[in-house]
């Protein structure tokens, strides 16, 4: 119980934050459209542009740049596996079409032990082999995932650009503070002040 109370006290002290209003540079204009366009051209570049804005306007560092590697990893993962499944589906389709034109012959030695039905519908888990239906389905899902990560990257850059010039001053504070209602009852209080 004491460990839980210590953790709550530690977290409440970390979560209490109010930005210093004297650091805000009102002469700097951060362009939201530029952040979105930069992320369209090179995924993650809008996050670096927003990081520059956060440092210039609010004096806060490491707010936006760390998102770019996450987007790169998501795009790389979905792109690579979409490519691999697309090649697999293409090869299986060629093999099946070759067999339809040339009975009892094989286009590629890798598929000679498989029947026509296994080429289309197989899901052999032990050989890490998927038939045409599964390979093309996974390729399509991964292409949709790639598009989703790409759109999320652009949307995040645009929305984060709104927060660059968002004034967080001492007049509005949100704080979590530990409360003791009685010696046996502990809790966390939420205080929101408008001045």
Protein backbone atom coordinates (compact mmCIF):
# COMPACT_ATOMS: atom_id res chain seq x y z
CA UNK A 1 0.00 0.00 0.00
CA UNK A 2 2.85 2.37 0.81
CA UNK A 3 4.42 1.69 -2.58
CA UNK A 4 1.19 2.60 -4.35
CA UNK A 5 0.93 5.85 -2.37
CA UNK A 6 4.54 6.71 -3.20
CA UNK A 7 3.93 6.03 -6.89
CA UNK A 8 0.80 8.20 -6.88
CA UNK A 9 2.68 11.03 -5.14
CA UNK A 10 5.56 10.75 -7.60
CA UNK A 11 3.27 10.74 -10.64
CA UNK A 12 1.22 13.64 -9.32
CA UNK A 13 4.36 15.73 -8.89
CA UNK A 14 5.44 14.94 -12.46
CA UNK A 15 2.04 15.62 -14.00
CA UNK A 16 1.75 19.11 -12.49
CA UNK A 17 3.07 21.42 -15.18
CA UNK A 18 2.37 24.96 -16.27
CA UNK A 19 4.36 26.65 -19.03
CA UNK A 20 6.17 29.90 -18.42
CA UNK A 21 4.22 32.61 -20.24
CA UNK A 22 7.29 34.85 -20.54
CA UNK A 23 8.87 32.46 -23.07
CA UNK A 24 6.16 32.83 -25.68
CA UNK A 25 7.39 34.70 -28.76
CA UNK A 26 4.31 36.34 -30.26
CA UNK A 27 6.20 37.66 -33.30
CA UNK A 28 6.78 34.16 -34.71
CA UNK A 29 4.04 32.85 -37.03
CA UNK A 30 3.92 29.07 -37.37
CA UNK A 31 2.25 27.91 -40.60
CA UNK A 32 -0.04 24.88 -40.18
CA UNK A 33 -0.39 24.28 -43.92
CA UNK A 34 3.39 24.20 -44.31
CA UNK A 35 3.64 21.51 -41.63
CA UNK A 36 1.03 19.39 -43.44
CA UNK A 37 2.64 19.88 -46.86
CA UNK A 38 6.09 19.02 -45.51
CA UNK A 39 4.66 15.79 -44.08
CA UNK A 40 3.05 15.01 -47.44
CA UNK A 41 6.33 15.42 -49.30
CA UNK A 42 8.57 13.66 -46.77
CA UNK A 43 6.76 11.79 -43.99
CA UNK A 44 7.89 13.08 -40.60
CA UNK A 45 9.29 16.38 -41.88
CA UNK A 46 6.25 18.25 -40.53
CA UNK A 47 7.10 16.94 -37.06
CA UNK A 48 10.60 18.42 -37.33
CA UNK A 49 9.11 21.72 -38.51
CA UNK A 50 6.75 21.72 -35.51
CA UNK A 51 9.67 20.95 -33.19
CA UNK A 52 11.38 24.09 -34.46
CA UNK A 53 8.20 26.04 -33.72
CA UNK A 54 7.88 24.63 -30.19
CA UNK A 55 11.48 25.62 -29.43
CA UNK A 56 11.07 29.08 -30.95
CA UNK A 57 7.70 29.97 -29.44
CA UNK A 58 7.51 28.21 -26.09
CA UNK A 59 11.11 27.30 -25.39
CA UNK A 60 10.11 23.64 -25.05
CA UNK A 61 12.29 20.95 -26.60
CA UNK A 62 11.60 17.33 -27.61
CA UNK A 63 7.88 17.84 -28.16
CA UNK A 64 7.38 16.75 -31.77
CA UNK A 65 10.51 15.31 -33.40
CA UNK A 66 10.24 11.87 -31.77
CA UNK A 67 7.08 11.06 -33.78
CA UNK A 68 8.91 11.00 -37.12
CA UNK A 69 10.78 7.69 -36.49
CA UNK A 70 7.49 6.09 -35.45
CA UNK A 71 5.93 7.07 -38.78
CA UNK A 72 9.01 5.88 -40.66
CA UNK A 73 8.84 2.52 -38.92
CA UNK A 74 5.10 2.18 -39.62
CA UNK A 75 5.51 3.08 -43.28
CA UNK A 76 8.56 0.83 -43.64
CA UNK A 77 6.88 -2.15 -41.97
CA UNK A 78 3.64 -1.93 -43.94
CA UNK A 79 5.42 -1.11 -47.21
CA UNK A 80 7.91 -3.97 -46.93
CA UNK A 81 5.36 -6.64 -46.09
CA UNK A 82 2.89 -5.35 -48.69
CA UNK A 83 5.68 -5.69 -51.27
CA UNK A 84 6.60 -9.21 -50.10
CA UNK A 85 2.96 -10.39 -50.14
CA UNK A 86 2.42 -8.75 -53.54
CA UNK A 87 5.36 -10.65 -55.03
CA UNK A 88 4.12 -13.90 -53.49
CA UNK A 89 0.60 -13.35 -54.89
CA UNK A 90 1.99 -12.50 -58.33
CA UNK A 91 4.15 -15.64 -58.45
CA UNK A 92 1.28 -17.85 -57.35
CA UNK A 93 -0.99 -16.35 -59.99
CA UNK A 94 1.64 -16.93 -62.71
CA UNK A 95 2.08 -20.52 -61.55
CA UNK A 96 -1.65 -21.17 -61.59
CA UNK A 97 -2.11 -19.60 -65.05
CA UNK A 98 0.87 -21.58 -66.39
CA UNK A 99 -0.66 -24.82 -65.10
CA UNK A 100 -3.99 -24.02 -66.77
CA UNK A 101 -2.24 -23.64 -70.14
CA UNK A 102 0.26 -26.51 -69.62
CA UNK A 103 -1.19 -29.44 -67.66
CA UNK A 104 1.29 -31.54 -65.68
CA UNK A 105 4.01 -28.88 -65.90
CA UNK A 106 5.31 -26.38 -63.38
CA UNK A 107 6.42 -22.80 -63.86
CA UNK A 108 8.59 -22.76 -60.71
CA UNK A 109 10.10 -25.76 -58.90
CA UNK A 110 9.08 -24.32 -55.51
CA UNK A 111 5.41 -25.07 -56.24
CA UNK A 112 5.66 -28.50 -57.87
CA UNK A 113 4.43 -30.37 -54.77
CA UNK A 114 1.32 -28.22 -54.48
CA UNK A 115 -1.99 -28.92 -56.15
CA UNK A 116 -3.95 -26.22 -57.98
CA UNK A 117 -6.29 -25.85 -55.02
CA UNK A 118 -3.38 -25.46 -52.58
CA UNK A 119 -1.92 -22.68 -54.75
CA UNK A 120 -5.12 -20.70 -54.35
CA UNK A 121 -6.35 -21.55 -50.85
CA UNK A 122 -3.44 -23.04 -48.89
CA UNK A 123 -2.59 -21.85 -45.39
CA UNK A 124 0.26 -24.15 -44.41
CA UNK A 125 1.46 -22.67 -41.14
CA UNK A 126 4.50 -24.93 -40.75
CA UNK A 127 6.02 -23.95 -44.13
CA UNK A 128 5.17 -20.26 -43.72
CA UNK A 129 3.25 -20.47 -47.00
CA UNK A 130 0.04 -18.70 -47.88
CA UNK A 131 -1.97 -19.35 -50.99
CA UNK A 132 -2.93 -16.67 -53.49
CA UNK A 133 -6.11 -15.70 -51.61
CA UNK A 134 -4.32 -15.05 -48.30
CA UNK A 135 -1.28 -13.38 -49.89
CA UNK A 136 -3.43 -10.95 -51.85
CA UNK A 137 -5.65 -10.31 -48.82
CA UNK A 138 -2.66 -9.50 -46.59
CA UNK A 139 -1.18 -7.30 -49.33
CA UNK A 140 -4.42 -5.33 -49.51
CA UNK A 141 -4.61 -4.95 -45.72
CA UNK A 142 -1.01 -3.74 -45.59
CA UNK A 143 -1.59 -1.22 -48.36
CA UNK A 144 -4.55 0.12 -46.37
CA UNK A 145 -2.31 0.24 -43.27
CA UNK A 146 0.35 2.13 -45.23
CA UNK A 147 -2.24 4.68 -46.35
CA UNK A 148 -3.56 4.99 -42.79
CA UNK A 149 -0.10 5.67 -41.33
CA UNK A 150 0.62 8.19 -44.11
CA UNK A 151 -2.64 10.09 -43.49
CA UNK A 152 -2.07 9.94 -39.71
CA UNK A 153 1.37 11.49 -40.25
CA UNK A 154 -0.12 14.42 -42.18
CA UNK A 155 -3.00 14.88 -39.74
CA UNK A 156 -0.69 14.79 -36.74
CA UNK A 157 1.61 17.43 -38.24
CA UNK A 158 -1.33 19.71 -38.98
CA UNK A 159 -2.92 19.31 -35.53
CA UNK A 160 0.39 19.64 -33.68
CA UNK A 161 1.08 22.86 -35.58
CA UNK A 162 -2.04 24.31 -33.92
CA UNK A 163 -0.47 23.71 -30.50
CA UNK A 164 2.78 25.51 -31.32
CA UNK A 165 1.28 28.92 -30.70
CA UNK A 166 -1.27 27.76 -28.13
CA UNK A 167 -0.83 29.98 -25.07
CA UNK A 168 -0.47 27.96 -21.90
CA UNK A 169 0.06 30.56 -19.23
CA UNK A 170 -0.15 30.73 -15.46
CA UNK A 171 -3.75 31.96 -15.72
CA UNK A 172 -4.94 28.43 -16.50
CA UNK A 173 -3.52 25.59 -14.44
CA UNK A 174 -4.41 21.95 -14.07
CA UNK A 175 -2.83 20.04 -11.24
CA UNK A 176 -3.13 16.64 -9.63
CA UNK A 177 -2.51 16.65 -5.92
CA UNK A 178 -2.61 13.84 -3.38
CA UNK A 179 -5.43 14.09 -0.84
CA UNK A 180 -5.91 12.39 2.50
CA UNK A 181 -9.56 12.18 3.46
CA UNK A 182 -8.85 10.19 6.61
CA UNK A 183 -5.87 8.15 7.83
CA UNK A 184 -7.22 5.09 5.97
CA UNK A 185 -8.55 6.77 2.80
CA UNK A 186 -6.18 8.20 0.22
CA UNK A 187 -7.00 9.78 -3.11
CA UNK A 188 -5.93 12.13 -5.85
CA UNK A 189 -7.52 15.55 -6.24
CA UNK A 190 -7.88 17.38 -9.53
CA UNK A 191 -7.71 21.16 -9.39
CA UNK A 192 -8.53 23.38 -12.38
CA UNK A 193 -8.04 27.12 -11.88
CA UNK A 194 -9.19 29.91 -14.21
CA UNK A 195 -7.76 33.35 -13.40
